[in-house]
Amino acid sequence: MIFNRDSAMSKESLEALLAKLQDDEGLQLSLKSATKLDDAVALAQGAGFDVSKYDFLEHKRLIGPHLLWEWDWI
């Protein structure tokens, strides 16, 4: 599958999500409960962040240090 995403914009959106996660325990709990990538993307988008599966996978090194948990699927 080919993704045509603006990587700067994608990274910016993901960084905004990560910043929000630092202060929003409700969002942390919601994302922590995600059992698959599609669920995490839907939750993030529902919270107003323009992120995709591609963003999570492309920037997983960026995500890891910011999360207080680990997803088995990422």
PDB file of N, CA and C in Angstrom:
ATOM      1  N   MET A   1       0.846  -1.170   0.000  1.00  0.00           N
ATOM      2  CA  MET A   1       0.000   0.000   0.000  1.00  0.00           C
ATOM      3  C   MET A   1       0.893   1.235   0.000  1.00  0.00           C
ATOM      4  N   ILE A   2       0.546   2.206  -0.789  1.00  0.00           N
ATOM      5  CA  ILE A   2       1.319   3.440  -0.899  1.00  0.00           C
ATOM      6  C   ILE A   2       0.556   4.546  -0.192  1.00  0.00           C
ATOM      7  N   PHE A   3       1.262   5.287   0.618  1.00  0.00           N
ATOM      8  CA  PHE A   3       0.677   6.410   1.330  1.00  0.00           C
ATOM      9  C   PHE A   3       1.262   7.686   0.775  1.00  0.00           C
ATOM     10  N   ASN A   4       0.418   8.652   0.505  1.00  0.00           N
ATOM     11  CA  ASN A   4       0.873   9.959   0.048  1.00  0.00           C
ATOM     12  C   ASN A   4       0.539  10.984   1.115  1.00  0.00           C
ATOM     13  N   ARG A   5       1.352  11.038   2.125  1.00  0.00           N
ATOM     14  CA  ARG A   5       1.124  11.972   3.216  1.00  0.00           C
ATOM     15  C   ARG A   5       2.285  12.955   3.274  1.00  0.00           C
ATOM     16  N   ASP A   6       1.993  14.166   3.639  1.00  0.00           N
ATOM     17  CA  ASP A   6       3.029  15.163   3.875  1.00  0.00           C
ATOM     18  C   ASP A   6       3.676  14.817   5.212  1.00  0.00           C
ATOM     19  N   SER A   7       4.911  14.334   5.177  1.00  0.00           N
ATOM     20  CA  SER A   7       5.540  13.825   6.397  1.00  0.00           C
ATOM     21  C   SER A   7       5.727  14.906   7.455  1.00  0.00           C
ATOM     22  N   ALA A   8       5.965  16.144   7.056  1.00  0.00           N
ATOM     23  CA  ALA A   8       6.108  17.220   8.043  1.00  0.00           C
ATOM     24  C   ALA A   8       4.780  17.456   8.748  1.00  0.00           C
ATOM     25  N   MET A   9       3.700  17.489   7.989  1.00  0.00           N
ATOM     26  CA  MET A   9       2.382  17.689   8.573  1.00  0.00           C
ATOM     27  C   MET A   9       2.001  16.502   9.450  1.00  0.00           C
ATOM     28  N   SER A  10       2.283  15.315   8.994  1.00  0.00           N
ATOM     29  CA  SER A  10       1.969  14.117   9.756  1.00  0.00           C
ATOM     30  C   SER A  10       2.715  14.113  11.076  1.00  0.00           C
ATOM     31  N   LYS A  11       3.985  14.423  11.032  1.00  0.00           N
ATOM     32  CA  LYS A  11       4.793  14.449  12.247  1.00  0.00           C
ATOM     33  C   LYS A  11       4.283  15.529  13.192  1.00  0.00           C
ATOM     34  N   GLU A  12       3.897  16.669  12.648  1.00  0.00           N
ATOM     35  CA  GLU A  12       3.373  17.761  13.464  1.00  0.00           C
ATOM     36  C   GLU A  12       2.083  17.334  14.168  1.00  0.00           C
ATOM     37  N   SER A  13       1.197  16.675  13.456  1.00  0.00           N
ATOM     38  CA  SER A  13      -0.057  16.203  14.043  1.00  0.00           C
ATOM     39  C   SER A  13       0.206  15.173  15.136  1.00  0.00           C
ATOM     40  N   LEU A  14       1.127  14.279  14.874  1.00  0.00           N
ATOM     41  CA  LEU A  14       1.463  13.258  15.855  1.00  0.00           C
ATOM     42  C   LEU A  14       2.119  13.879  17.089  1.00  0.00           C
ATOM     43  N   GLU A  15       2.981  14.856  16.889  1.00  0.00           N
ATOM     44  CA  GLU A  15       3.606  15.547  18.024  1.00  0.00           C
ATOM     45  C   GLU A  15       2.557  16.274  18.862  1.00  0.00           C
ATOM     46  N   ALA A  16       1.546  16.853  18.218  1.00  0.00           N
ATOM     47  CA  ALA A  16       0.466  17.515  18.951  1.00  0.00           C
ATOM     48  C   ALA A  16      -0.306  16.493  19.785  1.00  0.00           C
ATOM     49  N   LEU A  17      -0.554  15.317  19.220  1.00  0.00           N
ATOM     50  CA  LEU A  17      -1.226  14.247  19.959  1.00  0.00           C
ATOM     51  C   LEU A  17      -0.385  13.829  21.164  1.00  0.00           C
ATOM     52  N   LEU A  18       0.901  13.643  20.968  1.00  0.00           N
ATOM     53  CA  LEU A  18       1.779  13.235  22.060  1.00  0.00           C
ATOM     54  C   LEU A  18       1.827  14.282  23.165  1.00  0.00           C
ATOM     55  N   ALA A  19       1.833  15.555  22.785  1.00  0.00           N
ATOM     56  CA  ALA A  19       1.819  16.635  23.775  1.00  0.00           C
ATOM     57  C   ALA A  19       0.525  16.594  24.582  1.00  0.00           C
ATOM     58  N   LYS A  20      -0.582  16.368  23.902  1.00  0.00           N
ATOM     59  CA  LYS A  20      -1.886  16.284  24.578  1.00  0.00           C
ATOM     60  C   LYS A  20      -1.920  15.101  25.539  1.00  0.00           C
ATOM     61  N   LEU A  21      -1.298  13.997  25.161  1.00  0.00           N
ATOM     62  CA  LEU A  21      -1.280  12.806  26.011  1.00  0.00           C
ATOM     63  C   LEU A  21      -0.569  13.049  27.339  1.00  0.00           C
ATOM     64  N   GLN A  22       0.358  13.981  27.358  1.00  0.00           N
ATOM     65  CA  GLN A  22       1.092  14.265  28.590  1.00  0.00           C
ATOM     66  C   GLN A  22       0.167  14.796  29.697  1.00  0.00           C
ATOM     67  N   ASP A  23      -0.907  15.485  29.301  1.00  0.00           N
ATOM     68  CA  ASP A  23      -1.790  16.131  30.275  1.00  0.00           C
ATOM     69  C   ASP A  23      -3.202  15.557  30.326  1.00  0.00           C
ATOM     70  N   ASP A  24      -3.547  14.687  29.425  1.00  0.00           N
ATOM     71  CA  ASP A  24      -4.934  14.213  29.316  1.00  0.00           C
ATOM     72  C   ASP A  24      -5.017  12.734  29.682  1.00  0.00           C
ATOM     73  N   GLU A  25      -5.319  12.466  30.947  1.00  0.00           N
ATOM     74  CA  GLU A  25      -5.375  11.081  31.411  1.00  0.00           C
ATOM     75  C   GLU A  25      -6.497  10.300  30.735  1.00  0.00           C
ATOM     76  N   GLY A  26      -7.586  10.963  30.413  1.00  0.00           N
ATOM     77  CA  GLY A  26      -8.699  10.297  29.735  1.00  0.00           C
ATOM     78  C   GLY A  26      -8.284   9.789  28.360  1.00  0.00           C
ATOM     79  N   LEU A  27      -7.570  10.632  27.624  1.00  0.00           N
ATOM     80  CA  LEU A  27      -7.086  10.236  26.306  1.00  0.00           C
ATOM     81  C   LEU A  27      -6.049   9.125  26.438  1.00  0.00           C
ATOM     82  N   GLN A  28      -5.196   9.225  27.472  1.00  0.00           N
ATOM     83  CA  GLN A  28      -4.219   8.154  27.717  1.00  0.00           C
ATOM     84  C   GLN A  28      -4.924   6.826  27.924  1.00  0.00           C
ATOM     85  N   LEU A  29      -5.949   6.823  28.762  1.00  0.00           N
ATOM     86  CA  LEU A  29      -6.677   5.587  29.051  1.00  0.00           C
ATOM     87  C   LEU A  29      -7.373   5.049  27.809  1.00  0.00           C
ATOM     88  N   SER A  30      -7.955   5.948  27.029  1.00  0.00           N
ATOM     89  CA  SER A  30      -8.629   5.524  25.806  1.00  0.00           C
ATOM     90  C   SER A  30      -7.652   4.868  24.837  1.00  0.00           C
ATOM     91  N   LEU A  31      -6.522   5.535  24.603  1.00  0.00           N
ATOM     92  CA  LEU A  31      -5.547   4.981  23.668  1.00  0.00           C
ATOM     93  C   LEU A  31      -4.888   3.721  24.219  1.00  0.00           C
ATOM     94  N   LYS A  32      -4.703   3.683  25.511  1.00  0.00           N
ATOM     95  CA  LYS A  32      -4.098   2.490  26.125  1.00  0.00           C
ATOM     96  C   LYS A  32      -4.992   1.276  25.928  1.00  0.00           C
ATOM     97  N   SER A  33      -6.300   1.501  25.893  1.00  0.00           N
ATOM     98  CA  SER A  33      -7.238   0.391  25.740  1.00  0.00           C
ATOM     99  C   SER A  33      -7.352  -0.101  24.298  1.00  0.00           C
ATOM    100  N   ALA A  34      -6.767   0.628  23.365  1.00  0.00           N
ATOM    101  CA  ALA A  34      -6.825   0.220  21.945  1.00  0.00           C
ATOM    102  C   ALA A  34      -6.127  -1.129  21.781  1.00  0.00           C
ATOM    103  N   THR A  35      -6.822  -2.060  21.152  1.00  0.00           N
ATOM    104  CA  THR A  35      -6.258  -3.397  20.972  1.00  0.00           C
ATOM    105  C   THR A  35      -5.656  -3.597  19.594  1.00  0.00           C
ATOM    106  N   LYS A  36      -5.866  -2.615  18.724  1.00  0.00           N
ATOM    107  CA  LYS A  36      -5.260  -2.682  17.394  1.00  0.00           C
ATOM    108  C   LYS A  36      -5.059  -1.275  16.870  1.00  0.00           C
ATOM    109  N   LEU A  37      -4.251  -1.168  15.876  1.00  0.00           N
ATOM    110  CA  LEU A  37      -3.882   0.128  15.319  1.00  0.00           C
ATOM    111  C   LEU A  37      -5.094   0.907  14.817  1.00  0.00           C
ATOM    112  N   ASP A  38      -6.023   0.234  14.166  1.00  0.00           N
ATOM    113  CA  ASP A  38      -7.223   0.923  13.679  1.00  0.00           C
ATOM    114  C   ASP A  38      -7.970   1.618  14.815  1.00  0.00           C
ATOM    115  N   ASP A  39      -8.036   0.958  15.975  1.00  0.00           N
ATOM    116  CA  ASP A  39      -8.716   1.549  17.126  1.00  0.00           C
ATOM    117  C   ASP A  39      -7.989   2.799  17.617  1.00  0.00           C
ATOM    118  N   ALA A  40      -6.671   2.733  17.690  1.00  0.00           N
ATOM    119  CA  ALA A  40      -5.885   3.880  18.148  1.00  0.00           C
ATOM    120  C   ALA A  40      -6.050   5.060  17.195  1.00  0.00           C
ATOM    121  N   VAL A  41      -6.033   4.787  15.908  1.00  0.00           N
ATOM    122  CA  VAL A  41      -6.201   5.849  14.912  1.00  0.00           C
ATOM    123  C   VAL A  41      -7.585   6.480  15.050  1.00  0.00           C
ATOM    124  N   ALA A  42      -8.609   5.657  15.183  1.00  0.00           N
ATOM    125  CA  ALA A  42      -9.974   6.173  15.318  1.00  0.00           C
ATOM    126  C   ALA A  42     -10.116   7.030  16.578  1.00  0.00           C
ATOM    127  N   LEU A  43      -9.523   6.588  17.677  1.00  0.00           N
ATOM    128  CA  LEU A  43      -9.579   7.363  18.915  1.00  0.00           C
ATOM    129  C   LEU A  43      -8.853   8.697  18.768  1.00  0.00           C
ATOM    130  N   ALA A  44      -7.684   8.675  18.170  1.00  0.00           N
ATOM    131  CA  ALA A  44      -6.917   9.911  17.970  1.00  0.00           C
ATOM    132  C   ALA A  44      -7.667  10.864  17.051  1.00  0.00           C
ATOM    133  N   GLN A  45      -8.232  10.336  15.980  1.00  0.00           N
ATOM    134  CA  GLN A  45      -8.992  11.183  15.062  1.00  0.00           C
ATOM    135  C   GLN A  45     -10.237  11.739  15.741  1.00  0.00           C
ATOM    136  N   GLY A  46     -10.878  10.920  16.556  1.00  0.00           N
ATOM    137  CA  GLY A  46     -12.054  11.366  17.304  1.00  0.00           C
ATOM    138  C   GLY A  46     -11.731  12.479  18.290  1.00  0.00           C
ATOM    139  N   ALA A  47     -10.484  12.512  18.734  1.00  0.00           N
ATOM    140  CA  ALA A  47     -10.031  13.566  19.649  1.00  0.00           C
ATOM    141  C   ALA A  47      -9.568  14.805  18.886  1.00  0.00           C
ATOM    142  N   GLY A  48      -9.672  14.761  17.541  1.00  0.00           N
ATOM    143  CA  GLY A  48      -9.361  15.940  16.739  1.00  0.00           C
ATOM    144  C   GLY A  48      -7.975  15.983  16.124  1.00  0.00           C
ATOM    145  N   PHE A  49      -7.268  14.864  16.124  1.00  0.00           N
ATOM    146  CA  PHE A  49      -5.918  14.834  15.572  1.00  0.00           C
ATOM    147  C   PHE A  49      -5.924  14.175  14.194  1.00  0.00           C
ATOM    148  N   ASP A  50      -5.289  14.836  13.236  1.00  0.00           N
ATOM    149  CA  ASP A  50      -5.228  14.345  11.864  1.00  0.00           C
ATOM    150  C   ASP A  50      -4.063  13.368  11.723  1.00  0.00           C
ATOM    151  N   VAL A  51      -4.274  12.156  12.229  1.00  0.00           N
ATOM    152  CA  VAL A  51      -3.243  11.121  12.172  1.00  0.00           C
ATOM    153  C   VAL A  51      -3.794   9.905  11.448  1.00  0.00           C
ATOM    154  N   SER A  52      -2.892   9.079  10.970  1.00  0.00           N
ATOM    155  CA  SER A  52      -3.278   7.875  10.235  1.00  0.00           C
ATOM    156  C   SER A  52      -2.452   6.698  10.727  1.00  0.00           C
ATOM    157  N   LYS A  53      -2.766   5.533  10.207  1.00  0.00           N
ATOM    158  CA  LYS A  53      -1.952   4.347  10.497  1.00  0.00           C
ATOM    159  C   LYS A  53      -0.502   4.619  10.105  1.00  0.00           C
ATOM    160  N   TYR A  54      -0.350   5.219   8.958  1.00  0.00           N
ATOM    161  CA  TYR A  54       0.984   5.542   8.458  1.00  0.00           C
ATOM    162  C   TYR A  54       1.765   6.365   9.478  1.00  0.00           C
ATOM    163  N   ASP A  55       1.114   7.363  10.075  1.00  0.00           N
ATOM    164  CA  ASP A  55       1.785   8.221  11.050  1.00  0.00           C
ATOM    165  C   ASP A  55       2.285   7.415  12.241  1.00  0.00           C
ATOM    166  N   PHE A  56       1.420   6.550  12.761  1.00  0.00           N
ATOM    167  CA  PHE A  56       1.814   5.730  13.901  1.00  0.00           C
ATOM    168  C   PHE A  56       2.989   4.822  13.540  1.00  0.00           C
ATOM    169  N   LEU A  57       2.941   4.217  12.381  1.00  0.00           N
ATOM    170  CA  LEU A  57       3.993   3.285  11.987  1.00  0.00           C
ATOM    171  C   LEU A  57       5.279   3.996  11.574  1.00  0.00           C
ATOM    172  N   GLU A  58       5.147   5.085  10.844  1.00  0.00           N
ATOM    173  CA  GLU A  58       6.314   5.830  10.367  1.00  0.00           C
ATOM    174  C   GLU A  58       7.086   6.482  11.515  1.00  0.00           C
ATOM    175  N   HIS A  59       6.378   6.890  12.540  1.00  0.00           N
ATOM    176  CA  HIS A  59       7.000   7.639  13.626  1.00  0.00           C
ATOM    177  C   HIS A  59       6.988   6.876  14.947  1.00  0.00           C
ATOM    178  N   LYS A  60       7.008   5.549  14.891  1.00  0.00           N
ATOM    179  CA  LYS A  60       6.901   4.797  16.144  1.00  0.00           C
ATOM    180  C   LYS A  60       8.075   5.040  17.081  1.00  0.00           C
ATOM    181  N   ARG A  61       9.233   5.402  16.562  1.00  0.00           N
ATOM    182  CA  ARG A  61      10.355   5.749  17.457  1.00  0.00           C
ATOM    183  C   ARG A  61      10.052   7.029  18.225  1.00  0.00           C
ATOM    184  N   LEU A  62       9.320   7.936  17.616  1.00  0.00           N
ATOM    185  CA  LEU A  62       8.916   9.176  18.270  1.00  0.00           C
ATOM    186  C   LEU A  62       7.864   8.891  19.343  1.00  0.00           C
ATOM    187  N   ILE A  63       6.982   7.967  19.069  1.00  0.00           N
ATOM    188  CA  ILE A  63       5.883   7.658  19.980  1.00  0.00           C
ATOM    189  C   ILE A  63       6.376   6.965  21.243  1.00  0.00           C
ATOM    190  N   GLY A  64       7.213   5.968  21.087  1.00  0.00           N
ATOM    191  CA  GLY A  64       7.633   5.115  22.191  1.00  0.00           C
ATOM    192  C   GLY A  64       8.003   5.830  23.477  1.00  0.00           C
ATOM    193  N   PRO A  65       8.922   6.793  23.442  1.00  0.00           N
ATOM    194  CA  PRO A  65       9.333   7.451  24.680  1.00  0.00           C
ATOM    195  C   PRO A  65       8.232   8.268  25.359  1.00  0.00           C
ATOM    196  N   HIS A  66       7.183   8.611  24.618  1.00  0.00           N
ATOM    197  CA  HIS A  66       6.132   9.460  25.170  1.00  0.00           C
ATOM    198  C   HIS A  66       5.003   8.676  25.825  1.00  0.00           C
ATOM    199  N   LEU A  67       4.898   7.417  25.507  1.00  0.00           N
ATOM    200  CA  LEU A  67       3.795   6.632  26.039  1.00  0.00           C
ATOM    201  C   LEU A  67       4.180   6.018  27.378  1.00  0.00           C
ATOM    202  N   LEU A  68       3.201   5.875  28.218  1.00  0.00           N
ATOM    203  CA  LEU A  68       3.416   5.268  29.521  1.00  0.00           C
ATOM    204  C   LEU A  68       3.116   3.774  29.479  1.00  0.00           C
ATOM    205  N   TRP A  69       2.872   3.259  28.286  1.00  0.00           N
ATOM    206  CA  TRP A  69       2.542   1.860  28.088  1.00  0.00           C
ATOM    207  C   TRP A  69       3.115   1.417  26.751  1.00  0.00           C
ATOM    208  N   GLU A  70       3.015   0.141  26.484  1.00  0.00           N
ATOM    209  CA  GLU A  70       3.453  -0.374  25.186  1.00  0.00           C
ATOM    210  C   GLU A  70       2.292  -1.080  24.518  1.00  0.00           C
ATOM    211  N   TRP A  71       2.183  -0.872  23.216  1.00  0.00           N
ATOM    212  CA  TRP A  71       1.217  -1.615  22.430  1.00  0.00           C
ATOM    213  C   TRP A  71       1.959  -2.774  21.795  1.00  0.00           C
ATOM    214  N   ASP A  72       1.389  -3.951  21.848  1.00  0.00           N
ATOM    215  CA  ASP A  72       2.016  -5.118  21.219  1.00  0.00           C
ATOM    216  C   ASP A  72       2.020  -5.004  19.714  1.00  0.00           C
ATOM    217  N   TRP A  73       1.116  -4.243  19.145  1.00  0.00           N
ATOM    218  CA  TRP A  73       0.933  -4.204  17.698  1.00  0.00           C
ATOM    219  C   TRP A  73       1.673  -3.063  17.019  1.00  0.00           C
ATOM    220  N   ILE A  74       2.402  -2.240  17.756  1.00  0.00           N
ATOM    221  CA  ILE A  74       3.104  -1.131  17.093  1.00  0.00           C
ATOM    222  C   ILE A  74       4.598  -1.302  17.162  1.00  0.00           C
TER     223      ILE A  74
END
